[in-house]
C-alpha cells in the first residue's frame, strides 16, 4: 500500500523519515501543511486504512490543484501491508 504526504517544494526534509525536522521547517515558514491537510481530508476511525489513505491522497490532490502559488507537492512511499496494524 502507498502512503502519501503533503509537503512544500522548499522543505528539504522527508515527512516520512524526518517528521520532526520536516514539521519544524513547515511551521516556521507558516505553511502548517499538516493542519491544512487535516481540514481538507475527511478521514475517520470508521474507515479502513486503505479508505483513509485514498481520502488523504484525494485531499492532497485537491490542495495541489487549488494551489495558486505552486508551493505544495505530493510525496509517497510504499508500505508493506503485512506491517500494517488494524485497530
N, C-alpha and C. Protein backbone atom coordinates (compact mmCIF):
# COMPACT_ATOMS: atom_id res chain seq x y z
N UNK A 1 0.85 -1.17 0.00
CA UNK A 1 0.00 0.00 0.00
C UNK A 1 0.89 1.23 0.00
N UNK A 2 0.46 2.25 -0.69
CA UNK A 2 1.19 3.52 -0.71
C UNK A 2 0.65 4.44 0.37
N UNK A 3 1.56 5.19 0.98
CA UNK A 3 1.20 6.27 1.89
C UNK A 3 1.58 7.57 1.20
N UNK A 4 0.77 8.60 1.43
CA UNK A 4 1.01 9.89 0.79
C UNK A 4 1.16 10.96 1.85
N UNK A 5 1.93 11.98 1.51
CA UNK A 5 2.11 13.12 2.40
C UNK A 5 2.11 14.39 1.57
N UNK A 6 1.68 15.46 2.19
CA UNK A 6 1.71 16.78 1.59
C UNK A 6 2.95 17.49 2.11
N UNK A 7 3.70 18.10 1.22
CA UNK A 7 4.87 18.88 1.63
C UNK A 7 4.98 20.08 0.71
N UNK A 8 5.99 20.89 0.94
CA UNK A 8 6.22 22.06 0.10
C UNK A 8 7.49 21.85 -0.71
N UNK A 9 7.58 22.54 -1.82
CA UNK A 9 8.72 22.39 -2.71
C UNK A 9 10.04 22.80 -2.06
N UNK A 10 9.99 23.70 -1.08
CA UNK A 10 11.22 24.20 -0.46
C UNK A 10 11.62 23.47 0.82
N UNK A 11 10.81 22.51 1.27
CA UNK A 11 11.14 21.81 2.51
C UNK A 11 12.15 20.69 2.20
N UNK A 12 13.36 20.78 2.79
CA UNK A 12 14.39 19.79 2.46
C UNK A 12 14.25 18.46 3.20
N UNK A 13 13.29 18.36 4.12
CA UNK A 13 13.17 17.16 4.96
C UNK A 13 12.09 16.22 4.44
N UNK A 14 12.27 14.94 4.72
CA UNK A 14 11.32 13.90 4.33
C UNK A 14 10.24 13.80 5.40
N UNK A 15 8.97 14.04 5.04
CA UNK A 15 7.91 13.99 6.06
C UNK A 15 7.69 12.60 6.64
N UNK A 16 8.17 11.57 5.98
CA UNK A 16 8.03 10.20 6.49
C UNK A 16 9.18 9.85 7.44
N UNK A 17 10.38 10.15 7.04
CA UNK A 17 11.57 9.72 7.80
C UNK A 17 12.09 10.78 8.76
N UNK A 18 11.81 12.05 8.50
CA UNK A 18 12.33 13.15 9.32
C UNK A 18 11.19 14.08 9.75
N UNK A 19 10.13 13.49 10.30
CA UNK A 19 8.92 14.26 10.54
C UNK A 19 9.14 15.46 11.45
N UNK A 20 9.90 15.31 12.53
CA UNK A 20 10.09 16.42 13.47
C UNK A 20 10.76 17.60 12.77
N UNK A 21 11.86 17.35 12.06
CA UNK A 21 12.55 18.42 11.33
C UNK A 21 11.66 18.97 10.22
N UNK A 22 10.96 18.06 9.52
CA UNK A 22 10.05 18.49 8.45
C UNK A 22 8.97 19.42 9.00
N UNK A 23 8.35 19.02 10.10
CA UNK A 23 7.26 19.80 10.70
C UNK A 23 7.77 21.14 11.24
N UNK A 24 8.95 21.15 11.83
CA UNK A 24 9.52 22.39 12.34
C UNK A 24 9.75 23.38 11.19
N UNK A 25 10.35 22.92 10.10
CA UNK A 25 10.56 23.77 8.93
C UNK A 25 9.22 24.27 8.38
N UNK A 26 8.25 23.35 8.29
CA UNK A 26 6.93 23.66 7.74
C UNK A 26 6.22 24.74 8.56
N UNK A 27 6.21 24.59 9.87
CA UNK A 27 5.50 25.56 10.71
C UNK A 27 6.26 26.87 10.83
N UNK A 28 7.59 26.82 10.88
CA UNK A 28 8.37 28.06 10.96
C UNK A 28 8.19 28.92 9.71
N UNK A 29 7.89 28.28 8.60
CA UNK A 29 7.66 29.03 7.37
C UNK A 29 6.19 29.36 7.14
N UNK A 30 5.35 29.05 8.12
CA UNK A 30 3.95 29.44 8.07
C UNK A 30 3.06 28.60 7.18
N UNK A 31 3.51 27.42 6.76
CA UNK A 31 2.69 26.59 5.88
C UNK A 31 1.62 25.82 6.65
N UNK A 32 2.01 25.23 7.76
CA UNK A 32 1.08 24.42 8.58
C UNK A 32 0.38 23.37 7.72
N UNK A 33 1.16 22.65 6.94
CA UNK A 33 0.63 21.68 5.97
C UNK A 33 -0.18 20.57 6.62
N UNK A 34 0.25 20.09 7.78
CA UNK A 34 -0.50 19.02 8.45
C UNK A 34 -1.89 19.48 8.83
N UNK A 35 -1.98 20.67 9.38
CA UNK A 35 -3.28 21.22 9.78
C UNK A 35 -4.15 21.49 8.55
N UNK A 36 -3.55 21.99 7.49
CA UNK A 36 -4.27 22.25 6.26
C UNK A 36 -4.84 20.94 5.69
N UNK A 37 -4.01 19.91 5.65
CA UNK A 37 -4.47 18.62 5.15
C UNK A 37 -5.57 18.05 6.04
N UNK A 38 -5.44 18.21 7.34
CA UNK A 38 -6.46 17.70 8.27
C UNK A 38 -7.81 18.38 8.05
N UNK A 39 -7.79 19.65 7.64
CA UNK A 39 -9.05 20.36 7.37
C UNK A 39 -9.73 19.88 6.09
N UNK A 40 -8.94 19.41 5.14
CA UNK A 40 -9.47 19.02 3.83
C UNK A 40 -9.82 17.54 3.75
N UNK A 41 -9.00 16.69 4.38
CA UNK A 41 -9.22 15.24 4.30
C UNK A 41 -10.31 14.81 5.28
N UNK A 42 -11.22 14.02 4.81
CA UNK A 42 -12.32 13.51 5.63
C UNK A 42 -12.01 12.07 6.04
N UNK A 43 -11.04 11.93 6.94
CA UNK A 43 -10.66 10.60 7.43
C UNK A 43 -11.48 10.26 8.67
N UNK A 44 -11.47 8.98 9.01
CA UNK A 44 -12.28 8.52 10.14
C UNK A 44 -11.75 7.19 10.66
N UNK A 45 -11.91 6.96 11.94
CA UNK A 45 -11.58 5.66 12.53
C UNK A 45 -12.52 4.58 12.01
N UNK A 46 -13.67 4.98 11.49
CA UNK A 46 -14.63 4.02 10.95
C UNK A 46 -14.22 3.50 9.57
N UNK A 47 -13.24 4.15 8.94
CA UNK A 47 -12.78 3.74 7.62
C UNK A 47 -11.58 2.81 7.75
N UNK A 48 -11.35 2.02 6.72
CA UNK A 48 -10.18 1.14 6.69
C UNK A 48 -8.93 1.98 6.43
N UNK A 49 -7.77 1.36 6.63
CA UNK A 49 -6.50 2.04 6.32
C UNK A 49 -6.47 2.46 4.86
N UNK A 50 -6.93 1.58 3.98
CA UNK A 50 -6.93 1.89 2.55
C UNK A 50 -7.87 3.04 2.23
N UNK A 51 -9.05 3.05 2.82
CA UNK A 51 -10.00 4.14 2.59
C UNK A 51 -9.45 5.47 3.08
N UNK A 52 -8.81 5.46 4.26
CA UNK A 52 -8.21 6.68 4.78
C UNK A 52 -7.06 7.14 3.88
N UNK A 53 -6.25 6.20 3.41
CA UNK A 53 -5.15 6.54 2.51
C UNK A 53 -5.68 7.14 1.21
N UNK A 54 -6.73 6.57 0.68
CA UNK A 54 -7.35 7.11 -0.54
C UNK A 54 -7.88 8.52 -0.31
N UNK A 55 -8.47 8.75 0.85
CA UNK A 55 -9.00 10.08 1.17
C UNK A 55 -7.89 11.09 1.34
N UNK A 56 -6.80 10.69 1.96
CA UNK A 56 -5.66 11.60 2.11
C UNK A 56 -5.08 11.94 0.74
N UNK A 57 -4.96 10.97 -0.12
CA UNK A 57 -4.48 11.24 -1.48
C UNK A 57 -5.42 12.19 -2.21
N UNK A 58 -6.72 11.98 -2.09
CA UNK A 58 -7.70 12.86 -2.75
C UNK A 58 -7.54 14.29 -2.25
N UNK A 59 -7.41 14.45 -0.92
CA UNK A 59 -7.28 15.79 -0.33
C UNK A 59 -5.98 16.46 -0.78
N UNK A 60 -4.89 15.71 -0.83
CA UNK A 60 -3.62 16.27 -1.29
C UNK A 60 -3.74 16.73 -2.74
N UNK A 61 -4.34 15.90 -3.57
CA UNK A 61 -4.53 16.27 -4.98
C UNK A 61 -5.37 17.54 -5.10
N UNK A 62 -6.39 17.68 -4.26
CA UNK A 62 -7.23 18.88 -4.28
C UNK A 62 -6.43 20.11 -3.86
N UNK A 63 -5.65 19.98 -2.80
CA UNK A 63 -4.83 21.11 -2.33
C UNK A 63 -3.87 21.55 -3.43
N UNK A 64 -3.23 20.61 -4.09
CA UNK A 64 -2.29 20.94 -5.15
C UNK A 64 -3.00 21.57 -6.34
N UNK A 65 -4.16 21.04 -6.68
CA UNK A 65 -4.93 21.58 -7.82
C UNK A 65 -5.35 23.02 -7.56
N UNK A 66 -5.65 23.36 -6.31
CA UNK A 66 -6.14 24.70 -5.98
C UNK A 66 -5.02 25.64 -5.48
N UNK A 67 -3.78 25.20 -5.53
CA UNK A 67 -2.64 25.97 -5.02
C UNK A 67 -2.22 27.05 -6.01
N UNK A 68 -2.55 28.32 -5.73
CA UNK A 68 -2.24 29.38 -6.70
C UNK A 68 -0.76 29.73 -6.76
N UNK A 69 0.02 29.36 -5.74
CA UNK A 69 1.43 29.73 -5.69
C UNK A 69 2.37 28.57 -6.05
N UNK A 70 1.79 27.39 -6.33
CA UNK A 70 2.58 26.21 -6.70
C UNK A 70 3.65 25.89 -5.65
N UNK A 71 3.26 25.88 -4.37
CA UNK A 71 4.21 25.60 -3.31
C UNK A 71 4.11 24.17 -2.79
N UNK A 72 3.00 23.51 -3.02
CA UNK A 72 2.78 22.17 -2.46
C UNK A 72 3.12 21.07 -3.46
N UNK A 73 3.50 19.91 -2.92
CA UNK A 73 3.70 18.73 -3.74
C UNK A 73 3.33 17.50 -2.93
N UNK A 74 3.05 16.41 -3.65
CA UNK A 74 2.69 15.14 -3.03
C UNK A 74 3.90 14.22 -3.09
N UNK A 75 4.19 13.60 -1.95
CA UNK A 75 5.24 12.59 -1.91
C UNK A 75 4.62 11.29 -1.43
N UNK A 76 5.24 10.18 -1.79
CA UNK A 76 4.69 8.89 -1.41
C UNK A 76 5.80 7.92 -1.06
N UNK A 77 5.38 6.86 -0.39
CA UNK A 77 6.28 5.74 -0.12
C UNK A 77 5.44 4.48 -0.06
N UNK A 78 6.08 3.39 -0.40
CA UNK A 78 5.42 2.09 -0.36
C UNK A 78 5.57 1.52 1.05
N UNK A 79 4.46 1.00 1.59
CA UNK A 79 4.45 0.40 2.92
C UNK A 79 4.04 -1.05 2.78
N UNK A 80 4.79 -1.91 3.43
CA UNK A 80 4.48 -3.35 3.41
C UNK A 80 3.17 -3.56 4.15
N UNK A 81 2.16 -4.08 3.46
CA UNK A 81 0.85 -4.31 4.06
C UNK A 81 0.91 -5.24 5.25
N UNK A 82 1.86 -6.14 5.28
CA UNK A 82 1.95 -7.08 6.41
C UNK A 82 2.40 -6.39 7.69
N UNK A 83 2.95 -5.19 7.57
CA UNK A 83 3.39 -4.45 8.76
C UNK A 83 2.31 -3.52 9.29
N UNK A 84 1.21 -3.38 8.53
CA UNK A 84 0.12 -2.51 8.96
C UNK A 84 -0.63 -3.14 10.12
N UNK A 85 -1.00 -2.31 11.08
CA UNK A 85 -1.72 -2.79 12.25
C UNK A 85 -3.17 -2.32 12.15
N UNK A 86 -4.10 -3.23 12.19
CA UNK A 86 -5.51 -2.88 12.19
C UNK A 86 -5.95 -2.60 13.61
N UNK A 87 -6.68 -1.54 13.80
CA UNK A 87 -7.15 -1.15 15.13
C UNK A 87 -8.61 -1.46 15.27
